[in-house]
Amino acid sequence: MRTLVSETLAAWRHAERVLAQSEVGSPDHETARMAAAELRDLYQLLTERTGLDPAADPAGAEGAGNDVLTRVRDDLGIKQAG
């Protein structure tokens, strides 16, 4: 779970950088805006344990988190480390 949290934070930071560097209204800007919001929410879910409780369902939380992270990486063109 710790790896998922750090990967989510890294992807969130990347999305924020893309957002800051892209032209408002461009497809990249809109994709980055949505990704940053979704990653922020996922990061909060994973670190605050509100809503879906990773302790109660670690496989479910990790699976849902990995799904979001994979989709956002694809949307932003981020290559997975490792």
PDB file of N, CA and C in Angstrom:
ATOM      1  N   MET A   1       0.830  -1.192   0.000  1.00  0.00           N
ATOM      2  CA  MET A   1       0.000   0.000   0.000  1.00  0.00           C
ATOM      3  C   MET A   1       0.870   1.250   0.000  1.00  0.00           C
ATOM      4  N   ARG A   2       2.006   1.208   0.702  1.00  0.00           N
ATOM      5  CA  ARG A   2       2.884   2.369   0.777  1.00  0.00           C
ATOM      6  C   ARG A   2       3.389   2.766  -0.611  1.00  0.00           C
ATOM      7  N   THR A   3       3.698   1.770  -1.450  1.00  0.00           N
ATOM      8  CA  THR A   3       4.160   2.044  -2.807  1.00  0.00           C
ATOM      9  C   THR A   3       3.067   2.740  -3.610  1.00  0.00           C
ATOM     10  N   LEU A   4       1.836   2.303  -3.464  1.00  0.00           N
ATOM     11  CA  LEU A   4       0.723   2.918  -4.169  1.00  0.00           C
ATOM     12  C   LEU A   4       0.579   4.387  -3.767  1.00  0.00           C
ATOM     13  N   VAL A   5       0.745   4.677  -2.494  1.00  0.00           N
ATOM     14  CA  VAL A   5       0.650   6.063  -2.017  1.00  0.00           C
ATOM     15  C   VAL A   5       1.752   6.906  -2.649  1.00  0.00           C
ATOM     16  N   SER A   6       2.974   6.421  -2.658  1.00  0.00           N
ATOM     17  CA  SER A   6       4.078   7.205  -3.223  1.00  0.00           C
ATOM     18  C   SER A   6       3.931   7.356  -4.738  1.00  0.00           C
ATOM     19  N   GLU A   7       3.465   6.329  -5.420  1.00  0.00           N
ATOM     20  CA  GLU A   7       3.241   6.426  -6.866  1.00  0.00           C
ATOM     21  C   GLU A   7       2.113   7.401  -7.177  1.00  0.00           C
ATOM     22  N   THR A   8       1.082   7.398  -6.352  1.00  0.00           N
ATOM     23  CA  THR A   8      -0.026   8.327  -6.538  1.00  0.00           C
ATOM     24  C   THR A   8       0.444   9.762  -6.349  1.00  0.00           C
ATOM     25  N   LEU A   9       1.238  10.001  -5.326  1.00  0.00           N
ATOM     26  CA  LEU A   9       1.772  11.335  -5.083  1.00  0.00           C
ATOM     27  C   LEU A   9       2.643  11.791  -6.256  1.00  0.00           C
ATOM     28  N   ALA A  10       3.493  10.914  -6.759  1.00  0.00           N
ATOM     29  CA  ALA A  10       4.362  11.267  -7.886  1.00  0.00           C
ATOM     30  C   ALA A  10       3.533  11.605  -9.130  1.00  0.00           C
ATOM     31  N   ALA A  11       2.511  10.811  -9.401  1.00  0.00           N
ATOM     32  CA  ALA A  11       1.655  11.071 -10.564  1.00  0.00           C
ATOM     33  C   ALA A  11       0.865  12.360 -10.381  1.00  0.00           C
ATOM     34  N   TRP A  12       0.409  12.625  -9.168  1.00  0.00           N
ATOM     35  CA  TRP A  12      -0.320  13.864  -8.871  1.00  0.00           C
ATOM     36  C   TRP A  12       0.589  15.066  -9.126  1.00  0.00           C
ATOM     37  N   ARG A  13       1.810  15.000  -8.653  1.00  0.00           N
ATOM     38  CA  ARG A  13       2.768  16.095  -8.887  1.00  0.00           C
ATOM     39  C   ARG A  13       3.019  16.290 -10.378  1.00  0.00           C
ATOM     40  N   HIS A  14       3.146  15.188 -11.111  1.00  0.00           N
ATOM     41  CA  HIS A  14       3.353  15.279 -12.556  1.00  0.00           C
ATOM     42  C   HIS A  14       2.154  15.965 -13.217  1.00  0.00           C
ATOM     43  N   ALA A  15       0.971  15.564 -12.834  1.00  0.00           N
ATOM     44  CA  ALA A  15      -0.237  16.171 -13.401  1.00  0.00           C
ATOM     45  C   ALA A  15      -0.281  17.672 -13.107  1.00  0.00           C
ATOM     46  N   GLU A  16       0.110  18.063 -11.902  1.00  0.00           N
ATOM     47  CA  GLU A  16       0.139  19.482 -11.552  1.00  0.00           C
ATOM     48  C   GLU A  16       1.154  20.241 -12.405  1.00  0.00           C
ATOM     49  N   ARG A  17       2.301  19.624 -12.699  1.00  0.00           N
ATOM     50  CA  ARG A  17       3.302  20.266 -13.559  1.00  0.00           C
ATOM     51  C   ARG A  17       2.768  20.444 -14.976  1.00  0.00           C
ATOM     52  N   VAL A  18       2.144  19.390 -15.518  1.00  0.00           N
ATOM     53  CA  VAL A  18       1.556  19.475 -16.855  1.00  0.00           C
ATOM     54  C   VAL A  18       0.491  20.566 -16.874  1.00  0.00           C
ATOM     55  N   LEU A  19      -0.317  20.620 -15.842  1.00  0.00           N
ATOM     56  CA  LEU A  19      -1.364  21.633 -15.744  1.00  0.00           C
ATOM     57  C   LEU A  19      -0.769  23.040 -15.781  1.00  0.00           C
ATOM     58  N   ALA A  20       0.286  23.252 -15.028  1.00  0.00           N
ATOM     59  CA  ALA A  20       0.909  24.578 -14.953  1.00  0.00           C
ATOM     60  C   ALA A  20       1.584  24.970 -16.267  1.00  0.00           C
ATOM     61  N   GLN A  21       2.052  23.985 -17.027  1.00  0.00           N
ATOM     62  CA  GLN A  21       2.815  24.268 -18.237  1.00  0.00           C
ATOM     63  C   GLN A  21       1.975  24.268 -19.511  1.00  0.00           C
ATOM     64  N   SER A  22       0.741  23.827 -19.421  1.00  0.00           N
ATOM     65  CA  SER A  22      -0.073  23.728 -20.634  1.00  0.00           C
ATOM     66  C   SER A  22      -0.989  24.950 -20.771  1.00  0.00           C
ATOM     67  N   GLU A  23      -1.389  25.183 -21.987  1.00  0.00           N
ATOM     68  CA  GLU A  23      -2.249  26.328 -22.298  1.00  0.00           C
ATOM     69  C   GLU A  23      -3.674  26.056 -21.810  1.00  0.00           C
ATOM     70  N   VAL A  24      -4.240  27.024 -21.106  1.00  0.00           N
ATOM     71  CA  VAL A  24      -5.610  26.889 -20.612  1.00  0.00           C
ATOM     72  C   VAL A  24      -6.538  26.623 -21.791  1.00  0.00           C
ATOM     73  N   GLY A  25      -7.386  25.631 -21.629  1.00  0.00           N
ATOM     74  CA  GLY A  25      -8.330  25.265 -22.670  1.00  0.00           C
ATOM     75  C   GLY A  25      -7.836  24.207 -23.633  1.00  0.00           C
ATOM     76  N   SER A  26      -6.544  23.905 -23.590  1.00  0.00           N
ATOM     77  CA  SER A  26      -5.997  22.873 -24.478  1.00  0.00           C
ATOM     78  C   SER A  26      -6.382  21.489 -23.962  1.00  0.00           C
ATOM     79  N   PRO A  27      -6.354  20.484 -24.834  1.00  0.00           N
ATOM     80  CA  PRO A  27      -6.655  19.122 -24.384  1.00  0.00           C
ATOM     81  C   PRO A  27      -5.717  18.653 -23.265  1.00  0.00           C
ATOM     82  N   ASP A  28      -4.423  18.985 -23.353  1.00  0.00           N
ATOM     83  CA  ASP A  28      -3.479  18.591 -22.302  1.00  0.00           C
ATOM     84  C   ASP A  28      -3.849  19.231 -20.963  1.00  0.00           C
ATOM     85  N   HIS A  29      -4.247  20.482 -21.017  1.00  0.00           N
ATOM     86  CA  HIS A  29      -4.606  21.198 -19.788  1.00  0.00           C
ATOM     87  C   HIS A  29      -5.830  20.548 -19.134  1.00  0.00           C
ATOM     88  N   GLU A  30      -6.835  20.248 -19.945  1.00  0.00           N
ATOM     89  CA  GLU A  30      -8.054  19.646 -19.405  1.00  0.00           C
ATOM     90  C   GLU A  30      -7.778  18.245 -18.854  1.00  0.00           C
ATOM     91  N   THR A  31      -6.990  17.458 -19.578  1.00  0.00           N
ATOM     92  CA  THR A  31      -6.635  16.114 -19.098  1.00  0.00           C
ATOM     93  C   THR A  31      -5.869  16.204 -17.790  1.00  0.00           C
ATOM     94  N   ALA A  32      -4.905  17.111 -17.728  1.00  0.00           N
ATOM     95  CA  ALA A  32      -4.108  17.267 -16.513  1.00  0.00           C
ATOM     96  C   ALA A  32      -4.964  17.773 -15.349  1.00  0.00           C
ATOM     97  N   ARG A  33      -5.899  18.667 -15.630  1.00  0.00           N
ATOM     98  CA  ARG A  33      -6.778  19.193 -14.573  1.00  0.00           C
ATOM     99  C   ARG A  33      -7.618  18.070 -13.959  1.00  0.00           C
ATOM    100  N   MET A  34      -8.194  17.248 -14.821  1.00  0.00           N
ATOM    101  CA  MET A  34      -9.012  16.137 -14.323  1.00  0.00           C
ATOM    102  C   MET A  34      -8.153  15.105 -13.598  1.00  0.00           C
ATOM    103  N   ALA A  35      -6.983  14.811 -14.147  1.00  0.00           N
ATOM    104  CA  ALA A  35      -6.090  13.839 -13.520  1.00  0.00           C
ATOM    105  C   ALA A  35      -5.628  14.322 -12.157  1.00  0.00           C
ATOM    106  N   ALA A  36      -5.241  15.592 -12.064  1.00  0.00           N
ATOM    107  CA  ALA A  36      -4.770  16.133 -10.782  1.00  0.00           C
ATOM    108  C   ALA A  36      -5.865  16.048  -9.729  1.00  0.00           C
ATOM    109  N   ALA A  37      -7.080  16.371 -10.101  1.00  0.00           N
ATOM    110  CA  ALA A  37      -8.194  16.303  -9.145  1.00  0.00           C
ATOM    111  C   ALA A  37      -8.445  14.863  -8.693  1.00  0.00           C
ATOM    112  N   GLU A  38      -8.427  13.946  -9.648  1.00  0.00           N
ATOM    113  CA  GLU A  38      -8.678  12.539  -9.313  1.00  0.00           C
ATOM    114  C   GLU A  38      -7.543  11.966  -8.458  1.00  0.00           C
ATOM    115  N   LEU A  39      -6.318  12.315  -8.797  1.00  0.00           N
ATOM    116  CA  LEU A  39      -5.175  11.828  -8.019  1.00  0.00           C
ATOM    117  C   LEU A  39      -5.154  12.438  -6.621  1.00  0.00           C
ATOM    118  N   ARG A  40      -5.518  13.705  -6.507  1.00  0.00           N
ATOM    119  CA  ARG A  40      -5.608  14.329  -5.189  1.00  0.00           C
ATOM    120  C   ARG A  40      -6.622  13.577  -4.316  1.00  0.00           C
ATOM    121  N   ASP A  41      -7.774  13.292  -4.893  1.00  0.00           N
ATOM    122  CA  ASP A  41      -8.806  12.562  -4.149  1.00  0.00           C
ATOM    123  C   ASP A  41      -8.320  11.170  -3.757  1.00  0.00           C
ATOM    124  N   LEU A  42      -7.651  10.489  -4.682  1.00  0.00           N
ATOM    125  CA  LEU A  42      -7.129   9.150  -4.384  1.00  0.00           C
ATOM    126  C   LEU A  42      -6.076   9.220  -3.289  1.00  0.00           C
ATOM    127  N   TYR A  43      -5.181  10.191  -3.381  1.00  0.00           N
ATOM    128  CA  TYR A  43      -4.143  10.351  -2.356  1.00  0.00           C
ATOM    129  C   TYR A  43      -4.776  10.580  -0.978  1.00  0.00           C
ATOM    130  N   GLN A  44      -5.770  11.436  -0.934  1.00  0.00           N
ATOM    131  CA  GLN A  44      -6.455  11.685   0.340  1.00  0.00           C
ATOM    132  C   GLN A  44      -7.134  10.431   0.854  1.00  0.00           C
ATOM    133  N   LEU A  45      -7.757   9.684  -0.029  1.00  0.00           N
ATOM    134  CA  LEU A  45      -8.403   8.429   0.367  1.00  0.00           C
ATOM    135  C   LEU A  45      -7.389   7.461   0.957  1.00  0.00           C
ATOM    136  N   LEU A  46      -6.253   7.343   0.302  1.00  0.00           N
ATOM    137  CA  LEU A  46      -5.238   6.394   0.752  1.00  0.00           C
ATOM    138  C   LEU A  46      -4.552   6.826   2.043  1.00  0.00           C
ATOM    139  N   THR A  47      -4.411   8.130   2.258  1.00  0.00           N
ATOM    140  CA  THR A  47      -3.681   8.593   3.441  1.00  0.00           C
ATOM    141  C   THR A  47      -4.584   8.910   4.624  1.00  0.00           C
ATOM    142  N   GLU A  48      -5.802   9.319   4.375  1.00  0.00           N
ATOM    143  CA  GLU A  48      -6.712   9.654   5.475  1.00  0.00           C
ATOM    144  C   GLU A  48      -7.630   8.503   5.845  1.00  0.00           C
ATOM    145  N   ARG A  49      -7.714   7.537   4.951  1.00  0.00           N
ATOM    146  CA  ARG A  49      -8.570   6.358   5.180  1.00  0.00           C
ATOM    147  C   ARG A  49     -10.031   6.738   5.420  1.00  0.00           C
ATOM    148  N   THR A  50     -10.505   7.683   4.623  1.00  0.00           N
ATOM    149  CA  THR A  50     -11.917   8.037   4.659  1.00  0.00           C
ATOM    150  C   THR A  50     -12.606   7.347   3.493  1.00  0.00           C
ATOM    151  N   GLY A  51     -13.880   7.155   3.590  1.00  0.00           N
ATOM    152  CA  GLY A  51     -14.604   6.458   2.530  1.00  0.00           C
ATOM    153  C   GLY A  51     -14.236   4.990   2.550  1.00  0.00           C
ATOM    154  N   LEU A  52     -13.561   4.532   1.533  1.00  0.00           N
ATOM    155  CA  LEU A  52     -13.091   3.150   1.457  1.00  0.00           C
ATOM    156  C   LEU A  52     -11.923   2.986   2.413  1.00  0.00           C
ATOM    157  N   ASP A  53     -12.024   2.090   3.328  1.00  0.00           N
ATOM    158  CA  ASP A  53     -10.994   1.894   4.345  1.00  0.00           C
ATOM    159  C   ASP A  53     -10.000   0.839   3.882  1.00  0.00           C
ATOM    160  N   PRO A  54      -8.778   1.238   3.493  1.00  0.00           N
ATOM    161  CA  PRO A  54      -7.794   0.256   3.033  1.00  0.00           C
ATOM    162  C   PRO A  54      -7.467  -0.801   4.072  1.00  0.00           C
ATOM    163  N   ALA A  55      -7.574  -0.462   5.349  1.00  0.00           N
ATOM    164  CA  ALA A  55      -7.290  -1.440   6.395  1.00  0.00           C
ATOM    165  C   ALA A  55      -8.351  -2.533   6.409  1.00  0.00           C
ATOM    166  N   ALA A  56      -9.587  -2.164   6.115  1.00  0.00           N
ATOM    167  CA  ALA A  56     -10.675  -3.140   6.128  1.00  0.00           C
ATOM    168  C   ALA A  56     -10.681  -3.974   4.837  1.00  0.00           C
ATOM    169  N   ASP A  57     -10.239  -3.385   3.749  1.00  0.00           N
ATOM    170  CA  ASP A  57     -10.247  -4.068   2.457  1.00  0.00           C
ATOM    171  C   ASP A  57      -9.008  -3.669   1.669  1.00  0.00           C
ATOM    172  N   PRO A  58      -7.813  -4.096   2.121  1.00  0.00           N
ATOM    173  CA  PRO A  58      -6.594  -3.646   1.448  1.00  0.00           C
ATOM    174  C   PRO A  58      -6.534  -4.032  -0.020  1.00  0.00           C
ATOM    175  N   ALA A  59      -7.011  -5.215  -0.369  1.00  0.00           N
ATOM    176  CA  ALA A  59      -6.968  -5.628  -1.775  1.00  0.00           C
ATOM    177  C   ALA A  59      -7.898  -4.757  -2.613  1.00  0.00           C
ATOM    178  N   GLY A  60      -9.066  -4.447  -2.083  1.00  0.00           N
ATOM    179  CA  GLY A  60     -10.021  -3.598  -2.807  1.00  0.00           C
ATOM    180  C   GLY A  60      -9.503  -2.187  -2.976  1.00  0.00           C
ATOM    181  N   ALA A  61      -8.942  -1.619  -1.917  1.00  0.00           N
ATOM    182  CA  ALA A  61      -8.412  -0.257  -1.984  1.00  0.00           C
ATOM    183  C   ALA A  61      -7.225  -0.191  -2.922  1.00  0.00           C
ATOM    184  N   GLU A  62      -6.344  -1.150  -2.823  1.00  0.00           N
ATOM    185  CA  GLU A  62      -5.163  -1.142  -3.676  1.00  0.00           C
ATOM    186  C   GLU A  62      -5.557  -1.375  -5.127  1.00  0.00           C
ATOM    187  N   GLY A  63      -6.486  -2.264  -5.357  1.00  0.00           N
ATOM    188  CA  GLY A  63      -6.940  -2.517  -6.722  1.00  0.00           C
ATOM    189  C   GLY A  63      -7.589  -1.291  -7.340  1.00  0.00           C
ATOM    190  N   ALA A  64      -8.451  -0.624  -6.583  1.00  0.00           N
ATOM    191  CA  ALA A  64      -9.092   0.594  -7.077  1.00  0.00           C
ATOM    192  C   ALA A  64      -8.058   1.681  -7.325  1.00  0.00           C
ATOM    193  N   GLY A  65      -7.111   1.811  -6.428  1.00  0.00           N
ATOM    194  CA  GLY A  65      -6.057   2.808  -6.593  1.00  0.00           C
ATOM    195  C   GLY A  65      -5.201   2.531  -7.808  1.00  0.00           C
ATOM    196  N   ASN A  66      -4.849   1.271  -8.011  1.00  0.00           N
ATOM    197  CA  ASN A  66      -4.043   0.911  -9.182  1.00  0.00           C
ATOM    198  C   ASN A  66      -4.796   1.180 -10.477  1.00  0.00           C
ATOM    199  N   ASP A  67      -6.113   0.949 -10.473  1.00  0.00           N
ATOM    200  CA  ASP A  67      -6.924   1.226 -11.664  1.00  0.00           C
ATOM    201  C   ASP A  67      -6.886   2.707 -12.011  1.00  0.00           C
ATOM    202  N   VAL A  68      -7.073   3.559 -11.014  1.00  0.00           N
ATOM    203  CA  VAL A  68      -7.032   5.008 -11.236  1.00  0.00           C
ATOM    204  C   VAL A  68      -5.651   5.422 -11.725  1.00  0.00           C
ATOM    205  N   LEU A  69      -4.622   4.933 -11.063  1.00  0.00           N
ATOM    206  CA  LEU A  69      -3.254   5.305 -11.406  1.00  0.00           C
ATOM    207  C   LEU A  69      -2.903   4.873 -12.835  1.00  0.00           C
ATOM    208  N   THR A  70      -3.297   3.691 -13.230  1.00  0.00           N
ATOM    209  CA  THR A  70      -3.033   3.206 -14.584  1.00  0.00           C
ATOM    210  C   THR A  70      -3.733   4.077 -15.620  1.00  0.00           C
ATOM    211  N   ARG A  71      -4.990   4.400 -15.373  1.00  0.00           N
ATOM    212  CA  ARG A  71      -5.746   5.206 -16.327  1.00  0.00           C
ATOM    213  C   ARG A  71      -5.157   6.603 -16.460  1.00  0.00           C
ATOM    214  N   VAL A  72      -4.799   7.210 -15.334  1.00  0.00           N
ATOM    215  CA  VAL A  72      -4.235   8.557 -15.365  1.00  0.00           C
ATOM    216  C   VAL A  72      -2.862   8.549 -16.046  1.00  0.00           C
ATOM    217  N   ARG A  73      -2.058   7.551 -15.760  1.00  0.00           N
ATOM    218  CA  ARG A  73      -0.757   7.449 -16.431  1.00  0.00           C
ATOM    219  C   ARG A  73      -0.942   7.373 -17.947  1.00  0.00           C
ATOM    220  N   ASP A  74      -1.901   6.577 -18.373  1.00  0.00           N
ATOM    221  CA  ASP A  74      -2.183   6.463 -19.808  1.00  0.00           C
ATOM    222  C   ASP A  74      -2.624   7.807 -20.383  1.00  0.00           C
ATOM    223  N   ASP A  75      -3.513   8.492 -19.672  1.00  0.00           N
ATOM    224  CA  ASP A  75      -4.021   9.793 -20.132  1.00  0.00           C
ATOM    225  C   ASP A  75      -2.913  10.829 -20.253  1.00  0.00           C
ATOM    226  N   LEU A  76      -1.954  10.806 -19.317  1.00  0.00           N
ATOM    227  CA  LEU A  76      -0.887  11.806 -19.307  1.00  0.00           C
ATOM    228  C   LEU A  76       0.376  11.337 -20.010  1.00  0.00           C
ATOM    229  N   GLY A  77       0.396  10.084 -20.462  1.00  0.00           N
ATOM    230  CA  GLY A  77       1.571   9.569 -21.153  1.00  0.00           C
ATOM    231  C   GLY A  77       2.757   9.322 -20.218  1.00  0.00           C
ATOM    232  N   ILE A  78       2.469   8.950 -18.975  1.00  0.00           N
ATOM    233  CA  ILE A  78       3.516   8.677 -18.002  1.00  0.00           C
ATOM    234  C   ILE A  78       3.904   7.209 -18.098  1.00  0.00           C
ATOM    235  N   LYS A  79       5.177   6.935 -18.241  1.00  0.00           N
ATOM    236  CA  LYS A  79       5.657   5.551 -18.262  1.00  0.00           C
ATOM    237  C   LYS A  79       5.811   5.080 -16.826  1.00  0.00           C
ATOM    238  N   GLN A  80       5.374   3.857 -16.561  1.00  0.00           N
ATOM    239  CA  GLN A  80       5.477   3.292 -15.209  1.00  0.00           C
ATOM    240  C   GLN A  80       6.917   2.976 -14.895  1.00  0.00           C
ATOM    241  N   ALA A  81       7.325   3.349 -13.687  1.00  0.00           N
ATOM    242  CA  ALA A  81       8.702   3.067 -13.235  1.00  0.00           C
ATOM    243  C   ALA A  81       8.889   1.571 -13.057  1.00  0.00           C
ATOM    244  N   GLY A  82      10.125   1.130 -13.315  1.00  0.00           N
ATOM    245  CA  GLY A  82      10.463  -0.270 -13.066  1.00  0.00           C
ATOM    246  C   GLY A  82      10.204  -1.091 -14.196  1.00  0.00           C
TER     247      GLY A  82
END
